[in-house]
N, C-alpha and C. Protein backbone atom coordinates (compact mmCIF):
# COMPACT_ATOMS: atom_id res chain seq x y z
N UNK A 1 -0.35 60.52 -67.93
CA UNK A 1 0.65 60.75 -67.28
C UNK A 1 0.34 60.43 -65.60
N UNK A 2 1.86 59.81 -64.96
CA UNK A 2 1.48 59.69 -63.89
C UNK A 2 1.89 60.83 -62.70
N UNK A 3 1.35 61.08 -61.87
CA UNK A 3 1.25 62.05 -60.67
C UNK A 3 2.80 62.41 -60.55
N UNK A 4 3.22 63.53 -59.72
CA UNK A 4 4.49 63.46 -59.29
C UNK A 4 4.42 63.15 -57.89
N UNK A 5 5.09 62.39 -57.37
CA UNK A 5 5.46 62.41 -55.83
C UNK A 5 5.03 63.44 -55.06
N UNK A 6 4.10 63.75 -54.31
CA UNK A 6 4.26 64.82 -53.24
C UNK A 6 4.99 64.64 -51.61
N UNK A 7 5.68 65.73 -52.01
CA UNK A 7 6.46 65.71 -50.47
C UNK A 7 6.30 66.84 -49.90
N UNK A 8 5.71 66.67 -48.40
CA UNK A 8 5.12 67.88 -47.86
C UNK A 8 6.74 68.14 -46.55
N UNK A 9 6.87 69.37 -46.77
CA UNK A 9 7.80 69.98 -45.83
C UNK A 9 7.65 70.78 -44.75
N UNK A 10 7.21 70.68 -43.57
CA UNK A 10 6.87 71.44 -42.71
C UNK A 10 8.87 72.01 -41.21
N UNK A 11 8.51 73.16 -41.87
CA UNK A 11 9.88 73.94 -41.44
C UNK A 11 9.31 75.35 -41.32
N UNK A 12 9.52 75.81 -40.12
CA UNK A 12 9.59 77.12 -40.19
C UNK A 12 10.37 78.11 -39.92
N UNK A 13 11.29 77.30 -40.28
CA UNK A 13 12.71 78.47 -40.99
C UNK A 13 12.55 78.66 -42.40
N UNK A 14 12.37 80.36 -42.87
CA UNK A 14 12.08 80.11 -44.20
C UNK A 14 13.19 79.74 -45.30
N UNK A 15 14.40 80.09 -44.67
CA UNK A 15 15.62 79.81 -45.81
C UNK A 15 15.48 78.05 -45.78
N UNK A 16 15.41 77.33 -44.95
CA UNK A 16 16.03 76.21 -44.72
C UNK A 16 14.54 75.58 -45.54
N UNK A 17 13.47 76.74 -45.51
CA UNK A 17 12.10 75.47 -46.11
C UNK A 17 12.59 75.80 -47.53
N UNK A 18 12.90 77.00 -47.82
CA UNK A 18 13.01 77.53 -49.38
C UNK A 18 14.28 76.47 -50.15
N UNK A 19 15.18 76.40 -49.21
CA UNK A 19 16.05 75.44 -49.88
C UNK A 19 15.52 73.90 -49.88
N UNK A 20 15.02 73.37 -49.17
CA UNK A 20 14.73 72.05 -49.60
C UNK A 20 13.69 71.64 -50.39
N UNK A 21 12.36 72.86 -50.54
CA UNK A 21 11.37 72.85 -51.82
C UNK A 21 12.46 73.03 -53.10
N UNK A 22 13.29 73.71 -53.31
CA UNK A 22 13.70 74.05 -54.09
C UNK A 22 14.68 72.59 -54.88
N UNK A 23 15.12 71.71 -53.73
CA UNK A 23 15.81 70.61 -53.97
C UNK A 23 14.85 69.52 -54.56
N UNK A 24 13.68 69.69 -53.59
CA UNK A 24 12.58 68.68 -54.07
C UNK A 24 12.30 68.95 -55.61
N UNK A 25 11.87 70.01 -55.92
CA UNK A 25 11.23 70.51 -56.98
C UNK A 25 12.50 70.42 -58.17
N UNK A 26 13.59 70.85 -58.10
CA UNK A 26 14.66 70.40 -59.07
C UNK A 26 14.86 68.23 -59.40
N UNK A 27 14.24 67.68 -58.19
CA UNK A 27 14.51 66.31 -58.10
C UNK A 27 13.54 65.85 -59.04
N UNK A 28 12.01 66.83 -59.02
CA UNK A 28 11.05 66.07 -59.96
C UNK A 28 10.10 65.94 -58.83
N UNK A 29 10.13 66.25 -57.63
CA UNK A 29 8.94 66.15 -56.81
C UNK A 29 8.28 67.39 -57.10
N UNK A 30 6.88 67.22 -56.14
CA UNK A 30 5.73 68.30 -56.06
C UNK A 30 6.09 68.57 -54.52
N UNK A 31 6.64 69.55 -54.67
CA UNK A 31 7.13 70.05 -52.85
C UNK A 31 5.65 70.67 -52.61
N UNK A 32 5.46 70.41 -51.30
CA UNK A 32 4.12 71.27 -50.44
C UNK A 32 5.07 71.80 -49.46
N UNK A 33 4.51 72.85 -48.83
CA UNK A 33 5.40 73.79 -47.92
C UNK A 33 4.55 74.02 -46.39
N UNK A 34 4.35 74.00 -45.58
CA UNK A 34 4.50 74.16 -44.48
C UNK A 34 5.01 75.19 -43.41
N UNK A 35 4.66 76.56 -43.03
CA UNK A 35 5.73 77.14 -41.99
C UNK A 35 5.82 76.74 -40.48
N UNK A 36 4.92 76.05 -40.34
CA UNK A 36 4.76 75.70 -38.79
C UNK A 36 3.82 74.20 -38.79
N UNK A 37 3.98 73.73 -37.33
CA UNK A 37 3.36 72.43 -37.14
C UNK A 37 1.78 71.98 -37.54
N UNK A 38 0.81 73.37 -36.83
CA UNK A 38 -0.17 73.31 -37.09
C UNK A 38 -0.91 73.29 -38.66
N UNK A 39 0.00 74.62 -39.41
CA UNK A 39 -0.21 74.35 -40.64
C UNK A 39 -0.07 73.09 -41.71
N UNK A 40 1.14 72.31 -41.13
CA UNK A 40 2.03 71.31 -41.55
C UNK A 40 0.68 70.04 -41.52
N UNK A 41 -0.30 69.97 -39.90
CA UNK A 41 -1.37 69.28 -39.55
C UNK A 41 -2.79 69.29 -41.16
N UNK A 42 -2.78 70.63 -41.39
CA UNK A 42 -4.11 71.05 -42.43
C UNK A 42 -3.12 70.27 -43.69
N UNK A 43 -1.90 70.83 -44.19
CA UNK A 43 -1.94 70.50 -45.14
C UNK A 43 -1.92 68.80 -45.30
N UNK A 44 -1.21 68.60 -44.93
CA UNK A 44 -1.24 66.62 -44.55
C UNK A 44 -2.69 66.51 -45.04
N UNK A 45 -3.85 66.50 -43.89
CA UNK A 45 -4.97 66.27 -44.36
C UNK A 45 -5.85 66.78 -45.54
N UNK A 46 -5.59 67.90 -45.76
CA UNK A 46 -6.20 68.28 -47.36
C UNK A 46 -5.34 67.58 -48.59
N UNK A 47 -3.91 67.55 -48.37
CA UNK A 47 -3.35 67.62 -49.94
C UNK A 47 -2.72 65.72 -49.69
N UNK A 48 -2.81 65.09 -48.90
CA UNK A 48 -2.52 63.65 -48.41
C UNK A 48 -1.08 63.33 -49.44
N UNK A 49 0.24 64.19 -48.59
CA UNK A 49 1.42 64.24 -49.71
C UNK A 49 1.86 62.38 -49.38
N UNK A 50 2.77 62.04 -50.48
CA UNK A 50 3.22 60.75 -50.31
C UNK A 50 4.40 60.54 -49.03
N UNK A 51 5.08 61.50 -48.99
CA UNK A 51 6.02 61.44 -47.61
C UNK A 51 6.03 63.16 -46.73
N UNK A 52 6.32 62.83 -45.52
CA UNK A 52 6.30 64.64 -44.88
C UNK A 52 7.75 63.89 -44.44
N UNK A 53 8.06 65.92 -44.55
CA UNK A 53 9.61 66.05 -43.55
C UNK A 53 9.40 66.89 -42.70
N UNK A 54 9.35 67.22 -41.36
CA UNK A 54 9.18 68.16 -40.31
C UNK A 54 10.20 67.91 -39.24
N UNK A 55 10.17 69.23 -39.06
CA UNK A 55 11.40 69.82 -38.20
C UNK A 55 10.40 69.58 -36.49
N UNK A 56 11.13 69.40 -35.68
CA UNK A 56 10.71 69.08 -34.29
C UNK A 56 10.91 70.51 -34.00
N UNK A 57 11.60 71.73 -33.74
CA UNK A 57 11.24 72.61 -32.68
C UNK A 57 10.51 73.78 -33.92
N UNK A 58 9.14 74.04 -33.57
CA UNK A 58 8.85 74.77 -34.28
C UNK A 58 7.55 75.57 -33.21
N UNK A 59 7.04 76.87 -33.62
CA UNK A 59 5.41 77.24 -33.12
C UNK A 59 4.48 76.91 -33.29
N UNK A 60 3.50 77.20 -32.34
CA UNK A 60 2.38 76.64 -32.33
C UNK A 60 1.98 75.40 -32.46
N UNK A 61 3.11 74.26 -33.21
CA UNK A 61 2.75 72.75 -32.68
C UNK A 61 4.24 72.47 -32.97
N UNK A 62 4.70 71.59 -32.20
CA UNK A 62 6.03 71.42 -32.12
C UNK A 62 5.75 69.68 -33.06
N UNK A 63 6.95 69.13 -33.53
CA UNK A 63 6.83 68.30 -34.55
C UNK A 63 6.47 66.96 -34.15
N UNK A 64 6.67 66.77 -32.61
CA UNK A 64 6.10 65.69 -31.83
C UNK A 64 4.58 65.61 -31.92
N UNK A 65 4.01 66.82 -31.76
CA UNK A 65 2.46 67.02 -31.86
C UNK A 65 2.15 66.69 -33.18
N UNK A 66 2.68 67.13 -34.11
CA UNK A 66 2.04 66.56 -35.27
C UNK A 66 2.13 64.99 -35.92
N UNK A 67 3.42 64.73 -35.30
CA UNK A 67 3.16 63.19 -35.57
C UNK A 67 2.36 62.88 -34.50
N UNK A 68 1.81 62.96 -33.85
CA UNK A 68 0.68 62.29 -33.00
C UNK A 68 -0.56 62.68 -33.74
N UNK A 69 -0.55 63.85 -34.20
CA UNK A 69 -2.13 63.99 -34.76
C UNK A 69 -2.09 63.56 -35.91
N UNK A 70 -1.06 63.36 -36.74
CA UNK A 70 -1.21 62.86 -38.24
C UNK A 70 -1.86 61.28 -38.02
N UNK A 71 -0.71 60.73 -36.71
CA UNK A 71 -0.58 59.29 -36.17
C UNK A 71 -2.38 58.89 -35.98
N UNK A 72 -3.00 59.34 -35.19
CA UNK A 72 -4.61 59.64 -34.96
C UNK A 72 -5.31 59.46 -35.89
N UNK A 73 -5.05 60.32 -36.90
CA UNK A 73 -6.14 60.40 -38.30
C UNK A 73 -5.89 59.44 -39.25
N UNK A 74 -7.26 58.43 -39.16
CA UNK A 74 -6.98 58.08 -40.05
C UNK A 74 -6.20 57.94 -41.66
N UNK A 75 -6.94 59.40 -41.84
CA UNK A 75 -6.54 59.57 -43.39
C UNK A 75 -4.88 59.90 -43.71
N UNK A 76 -4.38 59.92 -42.49
CA UNK A 76 -2.74 60.43 -42.21
C UNK A 76 -1.99 59.74 -41.39
N UNK A 77 -2.58 58.58 -40.99
CA UNK A 77 -1.60 57.74 -40.13
C UNK A 77 -0.89 56.98 -40.96
N UNK A 78 -1.13 56.95 -42.02
CA UNK A 78 -0.13 55.85 -43.10
C UNK A 78 1.13 56.56 -43.64
N UNK A 79 0.84 58.11 -43.88
CA UNK A 79 1.81 58.65 -44.39
C UNK A 79 3.45 58.50 -44.09
N UNK A 80 4.25 57.95 -45.03
CA UNK A 80 5.41 57.93 -44.19
C UNK A 80 5.82 59.60 -43.20
N UNK A 81 6.68 59.49 -42.54
CA UNK A 81 6.77 60.68 -42.06
C UNK A 81 8.61 60.37 -41.07
N UNK A 82 8.91 61.64 -41.75
CA UNK A 82 10.61 61.77 -41.15
C UNK A 82 10.77 63.11 -40.67
N UNK A 83 11.36 62.93 -39.64
CA UNK A 83 11.88 63.98 -39.06
C UNK A 83 13.36 64.48 -38.96
N UNK A 84 12.89 65.59 -39.67
CA UNK A 84 14.22 66.77 -40.31
C UNK A 84 14.11 67.30 -39.53
N UNK A 85 16.02 67.49 -38.67
CA UNK A 85 15.92 68.75 -37.55
C UNK A 85 17.41 68.58 -36.89
N UNK A 86 17.92 69.59 -36.33
CA UNK A 86 19.25 69.87 -35.87
C UNK A 86 18.69 69.09 -34.68
N UNK A 87 17.93 68.85 -34.18
CA UNK A 87 18.37 67.78 -33.06
C UNK A 87 19.22 66.40 -32.86
N UNK A 88 20.28 66.25 -32.99
CA UNK A 88 20.96 64.94 -33.29
C UNK A 88 21.35 63.96 -32.16
N UNK A 89 21.01 64.30 -31.18
CA UNK A 89 21.74 63.32 -30.11
C UNK A 89 21.02 62.53 -29.87
N UNK A 90 21.20 61.31 -29.81
CA UNK A 90 20.84 59.56 -29.68
C UNK A 90 19.51 59.59 -28.82
N UNK A 91 19.12 60.00 -27.78
CA UNK A 91 17.91 60.28 -27.16
C UNK A 91 17.00 60.77 -28.24
N UNK A 92 17.55 62.25 -28.35
CA UNK A 92 16.58 62.42 -29.44
C UNK A 92 15.87 61.86 -30.73
N UNK A 93 17.14 60.84 -31.48
CA UNK A 93 16.59 59.94 -32.40
C UNK A 93 15.72 58.95 -31.64
N UNK A 94 16.14 58.65 -30.93
CA UNK A 94 15.47 57.34 -29.86
C UNK A 94 13.73 57.81 -29.59
N UNK A 95 13.98 59.27 -29.10
CA UNK A 95 12.57 59.38 -28.78
C UNK A 95 11.63 59.58 -30.11
N UNK A 96 11.99 60.48 -30.86
CA UNK A 96 11.50 60.45 -32.28
C UNK A 96 11.06 59.36 -32.95
N UNK A 97 12.15 58.39 -32.67
CA UNK A 97 11.28 56.87 -33.40
C UNK A 97 10.82 56.34 -32.37
N UNK A 98 10.44 56.52 -31.55
CA UNK A 98 9.89 56.16 -30.41
C UNK A 98 8.38 56.61 -30.53
N UNK A 99 8.10 57.08 -30.80
CA UNK A 99 6.93 58.31 -31.13
C UNK A 99 6.37 57.57 -32.16
N UNK A 100 6.98 57.27 -33.25
CA UNK A 100 6.58 56.46 -34.40
C UNK A 100 6.95 56.82 -35.75
N UNK A 101 7.86 57.81 -35.77
CA UNK A 101 8.37 58.48 -37.11
C UNK A 101 8.91 56.92 -37.86
N UNK A 102 8.74 57.16 -39.29
CA UNK A 102 9.53 56.39 -40.26
C UNK A 102 11.11 56.24 -40.56
N UNK A 103 11.47 57.67 -39.68
CA UNK A 103 13.03 57.83 -40.14
C UNK A 103 13.61 59.44 -39.22
N UNK A 104 14.51 59.44 -39.45
CA UNK A 104 15.09 60.98 -38.22
C UNK A 104 16.56 61.21 -39.09
N UNK A 105 16.45 62.42 -39.90
CA UNK A 105 17.61 62.78 -40.46
C UNK A 105 18.10 64.64 -39.73
N UNK A 106 19.46 64.22 -39.21
CA UNK A 106 19.85 65.79 -39.04
C UNK A 106 20.09 66.54 -39.35
N UNK A 107 19.98 67.99 -39.25
CA UNK A 107 20.74 68.93 -40.24
C UNK A 107 21.89 69.45 -40.15
N UNK A 108 22.38 69.53 -40.91
CA UNK A 108 22.62 70.12 -42.24
C UNK A 108 22.10 68.64 -42.90
N UNK A 109 21.59 68.46 -44.05
CA UNK A 109 21.36 67.19 -44.10
C UNK A 109 21.68 67.16 -46.03
N UNK A 110 22.54 66.11 -46.20
CA UNK A 110 22.78 66.12 -47.64
C UNK A 110 22.06 65.53 -48.33
N UNK A 111 22.02 65.90 -49.49
CA UNK A 111 20.92 66.05 -50.71
C UNK A 111 20.42 64.33 -51.04
N UNK A 112 21.93 63.67 -51.00
CA UNK A 112 21.85 62.22 -51.15
C UNK A 112 21.32 61.48 -50.12
N UNK A 113 21.35 61.98 -48.79
CA UNK A 113 20.53 61.31 -47.58
C UNK A 113 18.98 61.63 -47.56
N UNK A 114 18.77 62.55 -48.08
CA UNK A 114 17.46 63.06 -48.43
C UNK A 114 16.87 62.37 -48.83
N UNK A 115 17.43 62.30 -50.31
CA UNK A 115 16.65 61.32 -51.41
C UNK A 115 16.18 59.79 -51.09
N UNK A 116 17.59 59.60 -50.51
CA UNK A 116 17.49 58.22 -50.25
C UNK A 116 16.35 57.98 -49.01
N UNK A 117 15.86 58.48 -48.54
CA UNK A 117 14.90 58.62 -47.44
C UNK A 117 13.64 58.40 -48.03
N UNK A 118 13.56 59.33 -48.94
CA UNK A 118 12.56 59.42 -50.21
C UNK A 118 11.93 57.85 -50.62
N UNK A 119 13.16 57.46 -51.38
CA UNK A 119 13.00 56.52 -51.73
C UNK A 119 13.09 55.10 -51.15
N UNK A 120 13.39 55.13 -50.05
CA UNK A 120 13.57 53.93 -49.05
C UNK A 120 11.89 53.85 -48.14
N UNK A 121 11.32 55.50 -47.93
CA UNK A 121 10.07 55.19 -47.48
C UNK A 121 9.12 54.88 -48.13
N UNK A 122 9.15 55.55 -49.86
CA UNK A 122 8.41 55.15 -50.40
C UNK A 122 8.14 53.62 -50.88
N UNK A 123 9.41 52.95 -51.16
CA UNK A 123 9.74 51.69 -51.20
C UNK A 123 8.93 50.69 -50.46
N UNK A 124 8.71 51.37 -48.85
CA UNK A 124 8.25 50.36 -47.76
C UNK A 124 6.83 50.81 -48.09
N UNK A 125 6.14 51.59 -48.22
CA UNK A 125 5.04 52.44 -48.49
C UNK A 125 4.05 51.32 -49.23
N UNK A 126 4.99 50.89 -50.77
CA UNK A 126 4.73 49.93 -51.28
C UNK A 126 4.25 48.85 -51.06
N UNK A 127 5.35 48.46 -50.22
CA UNK A 127 5.50 46.82 -50.00
C UNK A 127 4.23 46.58 -48.66
N UNK A 128 4.21 47.71 -48.14
CA UNK A 128 2.73 47.46 -47.05
C UNK A 128 1.59 47.28 -47.96
N UNK A 129 1.28 48.38 -48.97
CA UNK A 129 0.31 48.56 -49.81
C UNK A 129 0.33 46.81 -50.32
N UNK A 130 1.02 46.67 -50.90
CA UNK A 130 0.93 45.06 -51.75
C UNK A 130 0.86 43.79 -50.56
N UNK A 131 1.33 43.95 -49.39
CA UNK A 131 0.77 42.99 -48.30
C UNK A 131 -0.55 42.94 -47.99
N UNK A 132 -1.57 43.95 -48.23
CA UNK A 132 -2.33 44.21 -47.66
C UNK A 132 -3.06 44.13 -48.84
N UNK A 133 -3.06 43.70 -50.10
CA UNK A 133 -3.99 43.25 -51.06
C UNK A 133 -4.53 41.92 -50.50
N UNK A 134 -6.03 42.32 -51.12
CA UNK A 134 -6.35 40.56 -51.14
C UNK A 134 -6.37 39.69 -51.86
N UNK A 135 -5.42 38.39 -51.01
CA UNK A 135 -4.97 37.42 -52.38
C UNK A 135 -6.16 36.49 -52.76
N UNK A 136 -5.96 35.69 -54.09
CA UNK A 136 -6.85 34.84 -53.84
C UNK A 136 -6.70 33.66 -53.34
N UNK A 137 -7.98 33.32 -53.02
CA UNK A 137 -7.92 31.93 -52.19
C UNK A 137 -7.45 30.63 -52.95
N UNK A 138 -6.40 30.16 -52.47
CA UNK A 138 -5.82 28.94 -53.31
C UNK A 138 -6.73 27.71 -53.80
N UNK A 139 -6.14 27.21 -54.94
CA UNK A 139 -7.30 26.71 -55.63
C UNK A 139 -6.74 26.20 -56.83
N UNK A 140 -7.16 24.71 -57.38
CA UNK A 140 -5.98 24.07 -58.29
C UNK A 140 -5.90 24.65 -59.58
N UNK A 141 -6.79 25.87 -60.29
CA UNK A 141 -7.05 26.65 -60.44
C UNK A 141 -5.79 27.44 -60.99
N UNK A 142 -5.34 27.81 -60.10
CA UNK A 142 -4.09 28.74 -60.07
C UNK A 142 -2.89 27.70 -60.04
N UNK A 143 -2.63 26.58 -60.02
CA UNK A 143 -1.37 25.63 -60.55
C UNK A 143 -1.29 25.27 -61.66
N UNK A 144 -2.53 25.77 -62.70
CA UNK A 144 -2.93 25.18 -63.93
C UNK A 144 -2.07 26.22 -65.09
N UNK A 145 -1.04 26.23 -65.44
CA UNK A 145 -0.20 27.33 -66.49
C UNK A 145 -1.32 27.72 -67.55
């Protein structure tokens, strides 16, 4: 049996967090949650999710600080990170992407857009993992069928 894809939602608004978790569970994902940025960093470091969705405006630690903390830690640096926020201005999006986010979604988000972000982030993660795998040294034996 293959493990479920783990998605971490870092969101301080209880209703939004509950809705996102319900959607993710209904789509067959293992949904993890954190109610603020500090808890989100702890959950990410301990559970090592496959994808992280994070709000920006939160108490204790905002989304920008969460991203910086996760990117500075080798165990969490390569986890795909998506801002999911009400801040939808062009400068907000550019700022989030410049900080190292892999994607940026604006609330309210359509389910299809949420799922597309997950699919594309997981596909990209796999591509990067494949590119990093050591390849055999070229030899004549590799050319023989």
